[in-house]
Structures are given as C-alpha cells and as structure tokens.
Amino acid sequence: MAVGHVRQPQVLALRALGLGDLLTAVPAYRGLRRAFDRHWLVLAAPPALAPLALLTGAVDEVLPYTAPAAGEWPRLPWPGGPPDVAVNLHGRGPQSHRALLALRPLRLWGFAHSAFPEVGGPAWPDDEHEVARWCRLLSEHRVRVDPGDLGLPRPPRRPSPRPGAVVVHPGAASAARRWPAERFAAVAAALRRAGHPVVISGAAAERGLAVAVAAQAGLGRDDVLAGRTDVLDLAALVAAARLVVCGDTGVAHLATAYGTPSVLLFGPVPPAAWGPPPGRGQHVVLWHGTGSTDPHDSRPSPALRSIPVAEVLAAAAALLDRGAPETADIPLPRQPAEPPASSVAVAGADAGAGAGAAPAGTAASARDAAARP
C-alpha cells in the first residue's frame, strides 16, 4: 500500500543517508513503531537501502529520497496530505528541517535550530554517540527507546554468497576512513595462509580497490564480491561470516546487527561516536586517536595510519580462536607504523557512496559531514 492511498494516520521519518546511518537509527525506528502502533510509518531513505529498512520490522514503507551532500535539497516526493507527525532523524537542520516543514506536518520533532523556533526540540550535542543522539531526541517526546535494540533478522530466502568466510572490507566513503590498502592486503594474505576462506567485499564503485587488494593477497577474482552484492546479499554475507575486518563503515554496523565477530579500525572519528555498544566482546575496536580529525582528508587519518597489520592480525586471531576449527597459526608480520604510499591500485575508491558498502545511490555518511544539515 502506497502512502498516498493510506487512510490511517501517517508518521514520516527522515534518514536519507548511508548504510551505517540507517543502522544506527534502528532503535529510533522501533521506538516510533511502538509509540505510533496505529500509524502508517514511512521512512525517507535512499532506495538502495529500502530492503534493509523494511527488514527492521519497524517501517511500513520507504519513501525513496537521497539527501544531496551540498546545495539545495529537492522537495521530498511525499504524495499525500500533510503527515500527522514528521521526525527529523537526519540532522540538526536547516535543510532537513526545511524539507520536512515544506510538507506542513501537524507536528515536527527535531533538534532545536535558531532558524526554526517552531521546532522547539532539545539542543544538538556534538559529542554524543550516534545511536544515543536519536534515542534522546525521541525520549524528549516520551517515546520509549532501547539503544541496544540494534539487531536484525537474517534476510529471508537470501543465502550468504560465502557462508563461513572471513570478510575483509577495505573501502569507505571517504579517504580519511580508509586504512591503507596494502595493509588490508597483508591481513587478507595472512588469513588465507592460515587456512581461512577470505572474501573481499565492497560497493560497485570500490571493485577496483577490492580486485587490487585481492590480487596482492593472493586471492582469486571469485573471492572478490565487491560490486556483486546488493544490500540484502551483503547483510546475508555478514550474518553468516566467521569474521569481519573493516574500518568505520556500514559493514561494521551490519556486524553489530548480526553479532558477527569483527575487528573494527577507527579514524578519524572515534568509536565513542560511531562504535559498537560497549560490553559486546565479539567486536574488537582499534583506535589510536585522541579525538576527531579532518574527515575530508585525502589520505587515511593519523589514527588509522598508526594501526599496524600485526595488531589487526592479533585481534583477528583472538576472535577466530574462540571455538574455532583447527587452522594454522596466523603469522604476525613486522609492520612499520606508517608505510610509504600504497603499492595497491585504488581504482574507483573515491567514487563510493553511502557507508562504503551500500550500493550506488545512497548518500554520504553523516560522520563525514562538517555540519549535519
């Protein structure tokens, strides 16, 4: 049933960003579902992410919409009358507030902005975890939310393309969040030599990067899944993976959603803002920074560059050893803190969209934005 033909009251939530952004707001969607159980709940989000949004069980319909990274926003393609409630789960404004107010909702929930005194929400916090931020916004409106409610069911009738594999994901939407490609290749090679099946994942725009990493790691083209998976294939892959190794990307949040063991490399944004919930021992977070640095840098952040291959392999070995079948020991190579420029070709690495793993057509991640419009 499309929103224009729905007779019941309607709630419109806006979260038109990338894969990781979609997943960090899952507790908020479910809080809205409980609070408005008799309403038709619509999420404005990139169309490529719609199947995953529906998999949360909280959303009745996805309104296809991708927020531009800069400039004026196009009008939201809302076909019906004014929504009863509009909820800005996208940013602090002004563009996101303006886009929702153009629909003349009966109520708009969002963070306070000086240009929109009618919104009247709480102040925007710069140093709050992304999950907690949106839970707090809804709590201000007496909506019950559980910040730990991040899990997803496996996609029905969608088997993993490589069950039991170690998934190495070298991409990210911004260069500042990409650990050096040759280090990902060294990790993949060591895991392969230890007897673990390894695949390289990524978006279609990251296939050149993935192929180059696989070649340097001694993997075959069949081990490169980048560009060959849609968002549900990717979810199924991560759900059935033995281990995930990646940076601060949407794939990391899929590992959280499925409880998949993961080694997560953070920088320039700290894990206190975008990391997995504390107390979940299946996720090992590596962070050598002291605070956020430039998310628009054209090279990996200093925090990422200071993570050596040996540290990643040690974390991977510890996770793989938990109840694992017998394999060879993973060799820990000597690795300088900051190697010379990568010898791996990074074709197309800058063209990725979303959270580095979402299909083309998703928006840039909020973590890369200087402001949250």
Protein backbone atom coordinates (compact mmCIF):
# COMPACT_ATOMS: atom_id res chain seq x y z
CA MET A 1 0.00 0.00 0.00
CA ALA A 2 1.46 3.39 -1.02
CA VAL A 3 1.40 6.38 1.29
CA GLY A 4 -0.91 8.36 -0.99
CA HIS A 5 -3.62 5.70 -0.55
CA VAL A 6 -3.30 5.13 3.18
CA ARG A 7 -6.33 6.16 5.24
CA GLN A 8 -4.74 5.78 8.67
CA PRO A 9 -2.61 8.50 10.36
CA GLN A 10 0.91 8.79 8.99
CA VAL A 11 4.36 9.30 10.50
CA LEU A 12 7.24 10.34 8.25
CA ALA A 13 10.81 9.90 9.49
CA LEU A 14 13.73 11.34 7.51
CA ARG A 15 17.08 9.50 7.45
CA ALA A 16 18.33 9.96 3.88
CA LEU A 17 21.95 8.99 4.45
CA GLY A 18 24.16 5.89 4.14
CA LEU A 19 24.10 2.29 5.33
CA GLY A 20 25.73 2.88 8.71
CA ASP A 21 23.45 5.84 9.32
CA LEU A 22 20.39 3.71 8.56
CA LEU A 23 21.52 1.04 11.03
CA THR A 24 22.42 3.35 13.92
CA ALA A 25 18.85 4.67 13.89
CA VAL A 26 17.19 1.23 14.17
CA PRO A 27 16.36 1.74 17.89
CA ALA A 28 14.70 5.04 16.98
CA TYR A 29 12.57 3.44 14.23
CA ARG A 30 11.42 0.74 16.64
CA GLY A 31 10.65 3.32 19.30
CA LEU A 32 8.47 5.19 16.81
CA ARG A 33 6.77 1.93 15.81
CA ARG A 34 5.81 1.24 19.44
CA ALA A 35 4.69 4.82 20.07
CA PHE A 36 2.63 5.04 16.88
CA ASP A 37 1.39 1.48 16.53
CA ARG A 38 -1.78 2.58 14.70
CA HIS A 39 0.02 4.89 12.28
CA TRP A 40 1.50 4.14 8.87
CA LEU A 41 5.25 4.63 9.40
CA VAL A 42 7.20 5.88 6.37
CA LEU A 43 10.97 6.29 6.27
CA ALA A 44 12.50 8.68 3.72
CA ALA A 45 15.77 6.97 2.80
CA PRO A 46 17.87 6.06 -0.27
CA PRO A 47 16.07 3.49 -2.43
CA ALA A 48 19.03 1.08 -2.41
CA LEU A 49 18.62 0.72 1.35
CA ALA A 50 14.85 0.15 1.30
CA PRO A 51 15.01 -3.67 1.65
CA LEU A 52 17.14 -3.35 4.78
CA ALA A 53 14.89 -0.64 6.23
CA LEU A 54 11.88 -2.93 5.82
CA LEU A 55 13.84 -5.77 7.44
CA THR A 56 13.90 -3.81 10.71
CA GLY A 57 10.22 -4.65 11.19
CA ALA A 58 9.52 -1.05 12.17
CA VAL A 59 8.87 0.57 8.80
CA ASP A 60 5.74 0.14 6.70
CA GLU A 61 7.07 1.89 3.60
CA VAL A 62 10.21 3.58 2.30
CA LEU A 63 9.90 6.90 0.52
CA PRO A 64 12.83 6.96 -1.93
CA TYR A 65 14.96 10.01 -1.18
CA THR A 66 18.68 10.71 -1.10
CA ALA A 67 19.82 13.94 0.52
CA PRO A 68 22.44 15.82 -1.52
CA ALA A 69 25.87 16.27 0.01
CA ALA A 70 25.72 20.01 -0.67
CA GLY A 71 23.41 22.67 -2.06
CA GLU A 72 19.66 22.95 -2.05
CA TRP A 73 17.59 19.88 -1.38
CA PRO A 74 14.89 18.76 -3.82
CA ARG A 75 11.40 18.53 -2.42
CA LEU A 76 10.55 15.29 -0.65
CA PRO A 77 8.31 13.26 -3.02
CA TRP A 78 5.52 12.95 -0.45
CA PRO A 79 2.31 12.20 -2.39
CA GLY A 80 -0.35 12.59 0.28
CA GLY A 81 -1.67 15.27 2.57
CA PRO A 82 0.39 16.64 5.46
CA PRO A 83 1.84 13.88 7.65
CA ASP A 84 0.47 13.77 11.17
CA VAL A 85 4.00 13.61 12.60
CA ALA A 86 7.32 14.30 10.88
CA VAL A 87 10.51 13.23 12.66
CA ASN A 88 13.90 14.57 11.67
CA LEU A 89 16.32 11.70 12.25
CA HIS A 90 18.69 13.16 9.67
CA GLY A 91 20.45 16.15 11.20
CA ARG A 92 20.25 19.41 13.08
CA GLY A 93 18.94 21.49 10.17
CA PRO A 94 18.44 23.80 8.45
CA GLN A 95 17.97 21.84 5.20
CA SER A 96 16.43 18.75 6.81
CA HIS A 97 14.04 20.86 8.90
CA ARG A 98 13.10 22.89 5.84
CA ALA A 99 12.43 19.78 3.74
CA LEU A 100 10.03 18.40 6.34
CA LEU A 101 8.31 21.70 7.10
CA ALA A 102 7.54 22.09 3.39
CA LEU A 103 5.11 19.18 3.81
CA ARG A 104 3.20 21.13 6.51
CA PRO A 105 3.17 18.32 9.11
CA LEU A 106 0.85 18.68 12.06
CA ARG A 107 3.87 18.08 14.33
CA LEU A 108 7.61 18.16 13.66
CA TRP A 109 10.09 16.56 16.03
CA GLY A 110 13.72 17.53 15.68
CA PHE A 111 16.66 19.23 17.32
CA ALA A 112 16.47 22.93 18.03
CA HIS A 113 17.68 25.33 15.35
CA SER A 114 17.72 29.12 15.59
CA ALA A 115 16.12 29.47 12.15
CA PHE A 116 13.14 27.31 13.17
CA PRO A 117 11.86 28.33 16.61
CA GLU A 118 8.65 26.38 15.96
CA VAL A 119 10.54 23.10 16.19
CA GLY A 120 11.39 23.62 19.84
CA GLY A 121 13.44 20.47 20.33
CA PRO A 122 16.47 19.74 22.53
CA ALA A 123 19.90 21.19 21.79
CA TRP A 124 22.13 19.35 19.35
CA PRO A 125 25.08 17.63 21.09
CA ASP A 126 28.35 17.40 19.16
CA ASP A 127 29.94 14.71 21.32
CA GLU A 128 27.10 12.19 21.64
CA HIS A 129 27.12 8.66 20.23
CA GLU A 130 25.06 8.47 17.05
CA VAL A 131 22.70 5.83 18.45
CA ALA A 132 22.17 7.72 21.70
CA ARG A 133 21.56 11.01 19.88
CA TRP A 134 18.37 9.86 18.19
CA CYS A 135 17.18 7.88 21.18
CA ARG A 136 17.48 11.02 23.29
CA LEU A 137 15.53 13.07 20.76
CA LEU A 138 12.62 10.62 20.96
CA SER A 139 12.89 10.33 24.73
CA GLU A 140 12.26 14.09 24.91
CA HIS A 141 8.86 13.28 23.38
CA ARG A 142 8.21 10.45 25.86
CA VAL A 143 8.91 7.71 23.34
CA ARG A 144 10.35 4.55 24.85
CA VAL A 145 13.60 3.56 23.14
CA ASP A 146 16.21 0.90 23.76
CA PRO A 147 19.65 1.97 22.47
CA GLY A 148 20.78 -1.65 22.42
CA ASP A 149 17.97 -2.73 20.09
CA LEU A 150 20.25 -2.90 17.03
CA GLY A 151 19.73 -6.49 15.90
CA LEU A 152 18.31 -7.53 12.54
CA PRO A 153 16.80 -10.81 11.32
CA ARG A 154 18.61 -12.55 8.50
CA PRO A 155 17.18 -11.72 5.08
CA PRO A 156 14.57 -14.38 4.21
CA ARG A 157 15.27 -16.57 1.19
CA ARG A 158 18.65 -14.88 0.73
CA PRO A 159 21.52 -17.29 1.48
CA SER A 160 25.01 -15.99 2.06
CA PRO A 161 27.15 -15.93 -1.09
CA ARG A 162 30.08 -17.30 1.00
CA PRO A 163 28.96 -18.71 4.35
CA GLY A 164 31.67 -19.03 6.98
CA ALA A 165 34.14 -16.75 5.18
CA VAL A 166 36.28 -14.02 6.68
CA VAL A 167 35.03 -10.79 5.14
CA VAL A 168 37.66 -8.13 4.53
CA HIS A 169 36.14 -4.80 3.58
CA PRO A 170 38.82 -2.26 2.55
CA GLY A 171 36.56 0.56 1.39
CA ALA A 172 34.92 3.56 2.99
CA ALA A 173 33.08 6.54 1.56
CA SER A 174 35.87 8.95 2.48
CA ALA A 175 39.63 8.51 2.07
CA ALA A 176 40.16 9.61 5.68
CA ARG A 177 38.34 6.48 6.88
CA ARG A 178 40.26 4.02 4.66
CA TRP A 179 43.07 2.07 6.29
CA PRO A 180 45.92 1.78 3.74
CA ALA A 181 45.04 -0.72 1.04
CA GLU A 182 48.33 -2.63 1.24
CA ARG A 183 47.68 -3.31 4.92
CA PHE A 184 44.27 -4.81 4.16
CA ALA A 185 46.03 -6.96 1.56
CA ALA A 186 48.60 -8.10 4.14
CA VAL A 187 45.82 -9.04 6.57
CA ALA A 188 43.89 -10.94 3.89
CA ALA A 189 47.07 -12.78 2.79
CA ALA A 190 47.94 -13.84 6.33
CA LEU A 191 44.42 -15.10 6.99
CA ARG A 192 44.42 -17.01 3.70
CA ARG A 193 47.78 -18.64 4.51
CA ALA A 194 46.38 -19.69 7.89
CA GLY A 195 43.66 -21.65 6.10
CA HIS A 196 40.72 -19.28 6.44
CA PRO A 197 38.45 -18.64 3.45
CA VAL A 198 38.67 -14.91 2.72
CA VAL A 199 36.48 -12.70 0.54
CA ILE A 200 36.78 -9.01 -0.28
CA SER A 201 33.55 -7.01 -0.13
CA GLY A 202 32.69 -3.52 -1.31
CA ALA A 203 30.40 -1.34 -3.35
CA ALA A 204 30.41 -1.42 -7.15
CA ALA A 205 32.49 1.76 -7.19
CA GLU A 206 35.05 0.04 -4.95
CA ARG A 207 35.56 -3.01 -7.16
CA GLY A 208 38.89 -1.73 -8.48
CA LEU A 209 40.18 -1.37 -4.93
CA ALA A 210 38.84 -4.79 -3.96
CA VAL A 211 40.38 -6.53 -7.00
CA ALA A 212 43.76 -4.93 -6.31
CA VAL A 213 43.69 -5.91 -2.63
CA ALA A 214 42.69 -9.47 -3.54
CA ALA A 215 45.48 -9.77 -6.13
CA GLN A 216 48.15 -8.62 -3.68
CA ALA A 217 46.74 -11.03 -1.06
CA GLY A 218 46.95 -13.99 -3.45
CA LEU A 219 43.16 -14.33 -3.74
CA GLY A 220 41.29 -15.06 -6.94
CA ARG A 221 38.70 -12.97 -8.76
CA ASP A 222 35.97 -15.26 -7.42
CA ASP A 223 36.93 -14.10 -3.94
CA VAL A 224 36.04 -10.51 -4.83
CA LEU A 225 32.38 -9.87 -4.03
CA ALA A 226 32.60 -6.09 -4.42
CA GLY A 227 30.00 -4.91 -6.92
CA ARG A 228 28.30 -8.32 -6.97
CA THR A 229 26.06 -7.93 -3.91
CA ASP A 230 23.01 -5.82 -3.22
CA VAL A 231 22.26 -4.67 0.31
CA LEU A 232 20.45 -7.91 1.29
CA ASP A 233 23.25 -10.06 -0.16
CA LEU A 234 25.69 -8.01 1.89
CA ALA A 235 23.58 -8.47 5.02
CA ALA A 236 23.41 -12.23 4.41
CA LEU A 237 27.17 -12.35 3.84
CA VAL A 238 27.97 -10.55 7.10
CA ALA A 239 25.35 -12.51 9.07
CA ALA A 240 26.96 -15.81 8.08
CA ALA A 241 30.59 -14.63 8.22
CA ARG A 242 33.19 -16.12 10.54
CA LEU A 243 34.80 -12.69 10.99
CA VAL A 244 34.61 -9.17 9.55
CA VAL A 245 37.65 -6.89 9.23
CA CYS A 246 36.82 -3.33 8.22
CA GLY A 247 37.02 0.34 9.06
CA ASP A 248 34.29 2.61 10.37
CA THR A 249 31.76 1.76 7.66
CA GLY A 250 28.27 0.40 7.19
CA VAL A 251 29.66 -3.15 7.18
CA ALA A 252 30.82 -2.59 10.77
CA HIS A 253 27.25 -1.77 11.75
CA LEU A 254 25.99 -4.89 9.96
CA ALA A 255 28.42 -6.90 12.09
CA THR A 256 26.88 -5.28 15.17
CA ALA A 257 23.37 -6.01 13.89
CA TYR A 258 24.16 -9.72 13.43
CA GLY A 259 26.56 -10.21 16.33
CA THR A 260 29.27 -11.25 13.88
CA PRO A 261 32.81 -11.16 15.34
CA SER A 262 34.62 -8.13 13.94
CA VAL A 263 37.86 -6.20 14.05
CA LEU A 264 36.99 -2.53 13.55
CA LEU A 265 39.60 0.08 12.64
CA PHE A 266 38.61 3.59 13.68
CA GLY A 267 39.70 7.01 12.49
CA PRO A 268 39.26 9.91 12.06
CA VAL A 269 36.03 9.73 14.08
CA PRO A 270 36.37 7.99 17.47
CA PRO A 271 34.41 4.85 18.39
CA ALA A 272 32.78 6.83 21.20
CA ALA A 273 30.73 8.47 18.44
CA TRP A 274 30.16 5.60 15.98
CA GLY A 275 31.43 2.36 17.54
CA PRO A 276 29.55 -0.75 18.65
CA PRO A 277 27.87 -0.76 22.06
CA PRO A 278 30.23 -1.38 24.99
CA GLY A 279 30.32 -4.82 26.54
CA ARG A 280 29.99 -6.78 23.29
CA GLY A 281 33.19 -8.80 23.31
CA GLN A 282 32.74 -10.16 19.79
CA HIS A 283 33.73 -6.73 18.43
CA VAL A 284 37.34 -5.58 18.84
CA VAL A 285 37.76 -1.85 18.26
CA LEU A 286 41.21 -0.49 17.36
CA TRP A 287 41.57 3.24 17.96
CA HIS A 288 44.87 5.10 18.28
CA GLY A 289 43.50 8.61 18.19
CA THR A 290 42.90 11.26 20.81
CA GLY A 291 39.92 12.94 19.16
CA SER A 292 38.27 13.59 15.80
CA THR A 293 40.43 14.84 12.93
CA ASP A 294 39.57 16.12 9.46
CA PRO A 295 37.00 13.73 7.91
CA HIS A 296 37.69 15.24 4.47
CA ASP A 297 41.43 14.50 4.41
CA SER A 298 42.59 12.93 1.16
CA ARG A 299 44.62 10.26 2.99
CA PRO A 300 43.87 7.90 5.89
CA SER A 301 43.63 9.69 9.20
CA PRO A 302 46.64 9.65 11.57
CA ALA A 303 44.64 7.40 13.92
CA LEU A 304 44.25 4.81 11.15
CA ARG A 305 47.81 5.10 9.89
CA SER A 306 49.11 4.28 13.36
CA ILE A 307 47.35 0.87 13.43
CA PRO A 308 49.85 -1.80 12.31
CA VAL A 309 48.99 -5.01 10.50
CA ALA A 310 50.30 -7.09 13.41
CA GLU A 311 47.75 -5.57 15.78
CA VAL A 312 44.87 -6.32 13.43
CA LEU A 313 46.04 -9.92 12.94
CA ALA A 314 46.42 -10.43 16.68
CA ALA A 315 42.84 -9.23 17.22
CA ALA A 316 41.59 -11.43 14.36
CA ALA A 317 43.41 -14.48 15.73
CA ALA A 318 41.91 -13.97 19.18
CA LEU A 319 38.38 -13.87 17.76
CA LEU A 320 38.91 -16.78 15.37
CA ASP A 321 40.34 -18.93 18.16
CA ARG A 322 37.08 -18.82 20.12
CA GLY A 323 35.59 -22.24 19.45
CA ALA A 324 37.17 -22.36 16.01
CA PRO A 325 38.09 -25.44 13.98
CA GLU A 326 41.80 -26.14 13.88
CA THR A 327 43.77 -23.95 11.46
CA ALA A 328 47.36 -22.81 11.14
CA ASP A 329 48.64 -20.00 13.32
CA ILE A 330 48.29 -16.59 11.72
CA PRO A 331 51.78 -15.14 11.16
CA LEU A 332 52.27 -11.64 12.53
CA PRO A 333 54.47 -9.67 10.13
CA ARG A 334 56.70 -6.80 11.11
CA GLN A 335 54.93 -3.63 10.02
CA PRO A 336 56.06 0.00 10.28
CA ALA A 337 53.58 2.39 11.84
CA GLU A 338 53.33 4.37 8.61
CA PRO A 339 54.43 2.68 5.38
CA PRO A 340 55.22 4.51 2.14
CA ALA A 341 52.49 5.28 -0.35
CA SER A 342 50.36 2.28 -1.20
CA SER A 343 51.55 -0.09 -3.89
CA VAL A 344 47.97 -1.24 -4.43
CA ALA A 345 45.99 0.47 -7.16
CA VAL A 346 42.90 2.15 -5.71
CA ALA A 347 40.81 2.47 -8.84
CA GLY A 348 37.42 3.94 -8.10
CA ALA A 349 37.97 4.17 -4.36
CA ASP A 350 36.89 7.78 -4.18
CA ALA A 351 33.65 7.17 -6.02
CA GLY A 352 31.97 5.07 -3.35
CA ALA A 353 28.65 6.15 -1.93
CA GLY A 354 26.89 5.56 1.33
CA ALA A 355 28.90 4.00 4.11
CA GLY A 356 31.46 2.39 1.84
CA ALA A 357 29.44 -0.77 1.37
CA ALA A 358 25.97 0.32 0.37
CA PRO A 359 25.01 0.12 -3.29
CA ALA A 360 25.27 3.14 -5.52
CA GLY A 361 22.59 5.73 -4.93
CA THR A 362 22.96 6.06 -1.18
CA ALA A 363 24.03 9.31 0.40
CA ALA A 364 27.32 10.20 2.03
CA SER A 365 27.55 9.28 5.69
CA ALA A 366 26.76 11.80 8.38
CA ARG A 367 30.12 11.05 10.03
CA ASP A 368 31.85 12.69 7.05
CA ALA A 369 29.83 15.90 7.22
CA ALA A 370 31.30 19.04 8.72
CA ALA A 371 27.74 20.02 9.66
CA ARG A 372 24.57 17.98 9.86
CA PRO A 373 22.05 19.82 7.72
